[in-house]
N, C-alpha and C. Protein backbone atom coordinates (compact mmCIF):
# COMPACT_ATOMS: atom_id res chain seq x y z
N MET A 1 20.58 -30.06 22.29
CA MET A 1 19.28 -29.82 21.66
C MET A 1 19.10 -28.34 21.42
N PRO A 2 18.64 -27.92 20.27
CA PRO A 2 18.39 -26.49 19.99
C PRO A 2 17.27 -25.97 20.86
N GLY A 3 17.26 -24.66 21.00
CA GLY A 3 16.21 -23.95 21.80
C GLY A 3 15.01 -23.71 21.03
N PHE A 4 14.84 -24.24 19.80
CA PHE A 4 13.71 -24.01 19.04
C PHE A 4 13.54 -25.03 17.98
N VAL A 5 12.31 -24.99 17.36
CA VAL A 5 12.10 -25.80 16.17
C VAL A 5 11.65 -24.88 15.03
N LEU A 6 12.21 -25.03 13.90
CA LEU A 6 11.87 -24.18 12.73
C LEU A 6 11.01 -24.92 11.78
N LEU A 7 9.81 -24.27 11.43
CA LEU A 7 8.95 -24.78 10.42
C LEU A 7 8.93 -23.73 9.28
N ALA A 8 8.94 -24.19 8.04
CA ALA A 8 8.88 -23.30 6.91
C ALA A 8 7.92 -23.91 5.89
N ARG A 9 6.96 -23.10 5.38
CA ARG A 9 5.96 -23.57 4.47
C ARG A 9 5.86 -22.55 3.30
N ASP A 10 5.90 -23.06 2.03
CA ASP A 10 5.74 -22.25 0.93
C ASP A 10 4.30 -21.84 0.79
N ARG A 11 4.07 -20.54 0.59
CA ARG A 11 2.76 -20.01 0.50
C ARG A 11 2.14 -20.18 -0.95
N ALA A 12 3.03 -20.35 -1.86
CA ALA A 12 2.70 -20.52 -3.28
C ALA A 12 1.66 -19.48 -3.77
N ASP A 13 1.92 -18.24 -3.36
CA ASP A 13 1.01 -17.13 -3.81
C ASP A 13 1.76 -16.20 -4.79
N GLY A 14 2.99 -16.53 -5.06
CA GLY A 14 3.75 -15.61 -6.02
C GLY A 14 4.39 -14.46 -5.35
N GLU A 15 4.13 -14.24 -4.10
CA GLU A 15 4.70 -13.04 -3.43
C GLU A 15 6.08 -13.48 -2.83
N ALA A 16 7.07 -12.66 -2.94
CA ALA A 16 8.38 -13.04 -2.43
C ALA A 16 8.56 -12.63 -0.89
N ALA A 17 7.59 -11.99 -0.29
CA ALA A 17 7.63 -11.52 1.12
C ALA A 17 7.75 -12.76 2.03
N MET A 18 8.67 -12.58 3.00
CA MET A 18 8.78 -13.71 4.04
C MET A 18 7.99 -13.21 5.27
N ARG A 19 7.32 -14.18 5.84
CA ARG A 19 6.55 -13.87 7.12
C ARG A 19 7.18 -14.78 8.17
N ILE A 20 7.00 -14.36 9.43
CA ILE A 20 7.58 -15.11 10.55
C ILE A 20 6.57 -15.08 11.66
N GLY A 21 6.52 -16.25 12.38
CA GLY A 21 5.62 -16.33 13.57
C GLY A 21 6.45 -17.05 14.71
N TYR A 22 6.08 -16.73 15.90
CA TYR A 22 6.71 -17.28 17.06
C TYR A 22 5.68 -17.92 17.95
N THR A 23 6.02 -19.02 18.66
CA THR A 23 5.17 -19.57 19.55
C THR A 23 6.00 -20.20 20.68
N VAL A 24 5.49 -20.09 21.93
CA VAL A 24 6.20 -20.68 23.14
C VAL A 24 5.06 -21.14 24.03
N THR A 25 5.11 -22.41 24.35
CA THR A 25 3.94 -22.94 25.19
C THR A 25 4.19 -22.66 26.67
N LYS A 26 3.05 -22.80 27.39
CA LYS A 26 3.13 -22.58 28.88
C LYS A 26 3.98 -23.50 29.54
N LYS A 27 4.27 -24.67 28.95
CA LYS A 27 5.11 -25.69 29.61
C LYS A 27 6.55 -25.16 29.84
N ILE A 28 6.95 -24.18 29.07
CA ILE A 28 8.26 -23.57 29.14
C ILE A 28 8.41 -22.80 30.43
N GLY A 29 7.39 -22.07 30.89
CA GLY A 29 7.41 -21.25 32.11
C GLY A 29 6.37 -20.21 32.05
N GLY A 30 6.45 -19.29 33.00
CA GLY A 30 5.54 -18.18 33.13
C GLY A 30 5.68 -17.26 31.99
N ALA A 31 4.81 -16.17 32.05
CA ALA A 31 4.86 -15.16 31.04
C ALA A 31 6.20 -14.52 30.86
N VAL A 32 6.88 -14.25 31.90
CA VAL A 32 8.20 -13.59 31.82
C VAL A 32 9.16 -14.41 31.10
N VAL A 33 9.20 -15.70 31.41
CA VAL A 33 10.12 -16.60 30.70
C VAL A 33 9.78 -16.74 29.21
N ARG A 34 8.48 -16.97 28.98
CA ARG A 34 8.05 -17.06 27.55
C ARG A 34 8.30 -15.82 26.74
N ASN A 35 8.12 -14.78 27.28
CA ASN A 35 8.35 -13.40 26.62
C ASN A 35 9.88 -13.27 26.37
N ARG A 36 10.67 -13.61 27.29
CA ARG A 36 12.10 -13.51 27.11
C ARG A 36 12.59 -14.40 26.00
N LEU A 37 12.02 -15.60 25.90
CA LEU A 37 12.40 -16.49 24.83
C LEU A 37 11.88 -15.91 23.42
N LYS A 38 10.76 -15.38 23.40
CA LYS A 38 10.22 -14.81 22.21
C LYS A 38 11.04 -13.61 21.77
N ARG A 39 11.54 -12.81 22.65
CA ARG A 39 12.45 -11.66 22.39
C ARG A 39 13.65 -12.23 21.76
N ARG A 40 14.28 -13.29 22.28
CA ARG A 40 15.47 -13.85 21.73
C ARG A 40 15.28 -14.41 20.36
N LEU A 41 14.12 -15.05 20.09
CA LEU A 41 13.78 -15.61 18.81
C LEU A 41 13.64 -14.40 17.80
N ARG A 42 12.95 -13.33 18.23
CA ARG A 42 12.74 -12.23 17.35
C ARG A 42 14.09 -11.60 16.92
N ALA A 43 14.91 -11.44 17.87
CA ALA A 43 16.33 -10.93 17.59
C ALA A 43 17.07 -11.84 16.65
N LEU A 44 16.98 -13.11 16.76
CA LEU A 44 17.62 -14.03 15.74
C LEU A 44 17.00 -13.87 14.40
N ALA A 45 15.71 -13.85 14.32
CA ALA A 45 14.97 -13.79 12.98
C ALA A 45 15.33 -12.41 12.33
N ARG A 46 15.36 -11.40 13.15
CA ARG A 46 15.64 -10.05 12.54
C ARG A 46 17.10 -10.07 11.90
N GLU A 47 17.98 -10.73 12.55
CA GLU A 47 19.29 -10.81 12.13
C GLU A 47 19.56 -11.74 10.90
N LEU A 48 18.94 -12.84 10.86
CA LEU A 48 19.30 -14.00 9.90
C LEU A 48 18.30 -14.11 8.79
N LEU A 49 16.97 -13.88 9.03
CA LEU A 49 16.04 -14.09 7.94
C LEU A 49 16.18 -13.32 6.70
N PRO A 50 16.62 -12.02 6.76
CA PRO A 50 16.76 -11.32 5.45
C PRO A 50 17.83 -11.90 4.64
N GLU A 51 18.88 -12.58 5.15
CA GLU A 51 19.88 -13.05 4.30
C GLU A 51 19.76 -14.58 4.01
N ALA A 52 19.12 -15.28 4.99
CA ALA A 52 19.06 -16.77 4.78
C ALA A 52 17.68 -17.34 4.77
N GLY A 53 16.68 -16.51 4.90
CA GLY A 53 15.27 -16.94 4.87
C GLY A 53 14.83 -17.32 3.47
N LEU A 54 13.71 -18.03 3.36
CA LEU A 54 13.22 -18.46 2.08
C LEU A 54 12.15 -17.51 1.61
N PRO A 55 12.30 -16.86 0.47
CA PRO A 55 11.30 -15.93 -0.11
C PRO A 55 10.06 -16.63 -0.39
N GLY A 56 8.90 -16.07 -0.08
CA GLY A 56 7.63 -16.65 -0.36
C GLY A 56 7.23 -17.69 0.61
N HIS A 57 7.88 -17.75 1.75
CA HIS A 57 7.60 -18.80 2.73
C HIS A 57 7.13 -18.21 4.06
N ASP A 58 6.37 -18.96 4.83
CA ASP A 58 6.03 -18.59 6.20
C ASP A 58 7.01 -19.31 7.06
N HIS A 59 7.61 -18.75 7.93
CA HIS A 59 8.60 -19.31 8.87
C HIS A 59 7.96 -19.26 10.25
N VAL A 60 8.06 -20.36 11.09
CA VAL A 60 7.50 -20.41 12.39
C VAL A 60 8.63 -20.92 13.30
N LEU A 61 8.88 -20.16 14.33
CA LEU A 61 9.86 -20.61 15.35
C LEU A 61 9.12 -21.00 16.60
N ILE A 62 9.29 -22.24 16.94
CA ILE A 62 8.61 -22.76 18.05
C ILE A 62 9.68 -22.91 19.21
N GLY A 63 9.52 -22.07 20.28
CA GLY A 63 10.45 -22.09 21.38
C GLY A 63 10.46 -23.34 22.22
N ARG A 64 11.57 -23.82 22.59
CA ARG A 64 11.79 -24.98 23.48
C ARG A 64 12.46 -24.53 24.73
N GLY A 65 12.40 -25.40 25.74
CA GLY A 65 12.91 -25.07 27.06
C GLY A 65 14.40 -24.56 27.10
N ASP A 66 15.25 -25.20 26.28
CA ASP A 66 16.66 -24.88 26.23
C ASP A 66 16.87 -23.52 25.74
N GLY A 67 15.98 -22.92 24.99
CA GLY A 67 16.22 -21.61 24.36
C GLY A 67 16.36 -20.46 25.35
N VAL A 68 15.86 -20.65 26.48
CA VAL A 68 15.92 -19.57 27.54
C VAL A 68 17.34 -19.44 28.06
N THR A 69 18.03 -20.52 28.29
CA THR A 69 19.31 -20.54 28.91
C THR A 69 20.49 -20.77 27.92
N ARG A 70 20.20 -21.12 26.78
CA ARG A 70 21.16 -21.45 25.71
C ARG A 70 21.95 -20.19 25.35
N ASP A 71 23.23 -20.30 25.14
CA ASP A 71 24.07 -19.13 24.69
C ASP A 71 23.50 -18.65 23.33
N PHE A 72 23.48 -17.30 23.25
CA PHE A 72 22.90 -16.61 22.00
C PHE A 72 23.69 -17.01 20.77
N GLN A 73 25.00 -17.15 20.87
CA GLN A 73 25.74 -17.59 19.76
C GLN A 73 25.46 -18.91 19.24
N LEU A 74 25.12 -19.80 20.16
CA LEU A 74 24.73 -21.15 19.82
C LEU A 74 23.39 -21.13 19.09
N LEU A 75 22.41 -20.27 19.66
CA LEU A 75 21.11 -20.17 19.01
C LEU A 75 21.29 -19.67 17.58
N ARG A 76 22.15 -18.69 17.45
CA ARG A 76 22.40 -18.15 16.04
C ARG A 76 22.83 -19.22 15.13
N ALA A 77 23.81 -19.99 15.61
CA ALA A 77 24.39 -21.06 14.75
C ALA A 77 23.33 -22.14 14.52
N ASP A 78 22.49 -22.46 15.48
CA ASP A 78 21.40 -23.40 15.25
C ASP A 78 20.41 -22.86 14.21
N LEU A 79 20.08 -21.61 14.22
CA LEU A 79 19.13 -21.07 13.25
C LEU A 79 19.77 -21.08 11.82
N ARG A 80 21.02 -20.70 11.70
CA ARG A 80 21.72 -20.73 10.44
C ARG A 80 21.67 -22.24 9.84
N LYS A 81 21.91 -23.09 10.66
CA LYS A 81 21.91 -24.55 10.29
C LYS A 81 20.48 -24.98 9.84
N ALA A 82 19.52 -24.60 10.70
CA ALA A 82 18.13 -24.94 10.28
C ALA A 82 17.71 -24.30 9.02
N LEU A 83 18.02 -23.08 8.78
CA LEU A 83 17.62 -22.43 7.51
C LEU A 83 18.33 -23.02 6.36
N ALA A 84 19.61 -23.38 6.50
CA ALA A 84 20.29 -24.01 5.44
C ALA A 84 19.59 -25.42 5.09
N LYS A 85 19.23 -26.10 6.12
CA LYS A 85 18.58 -27.46 5.94
C LYS A 85 17.25 -27.32 5.21
N VAL A 86 16.53 -26.32 5.62
CA VAL A 86 15.19 -26.13 5.02
C VAL A 86 15.30 -25.65 3.63
N ALA A 87 16.39 -24.85 3.27
CA ALA A 87 16.57 -24.43 1.90
C ALA A 87 16.87 -25.49 0.95
N ARG A 88 17.37 -26.62 1.44
CA ARG A 88 17.73 -27.78 0.55
C ARG A 88 16.57 -28.49 0.00
């Protein structure tokens, strides 16, 4: 199971800028754990969204429990796959 869920929504405002949001619920853990997961998601987005993100869309990464312990390379592959799926 991936460590996140990706949502993408077209803003339909004619602007090509991509926006990104992150959310992690308290069910995942305390503040330290949630912040660690958000840092990992930010690093992934910083790396992959410029090349694979959808222009003119809002992207939201919702952190899941596996995201804290999942290998970063697997998270990267999961995000690539999710972005490709959303682009279709």
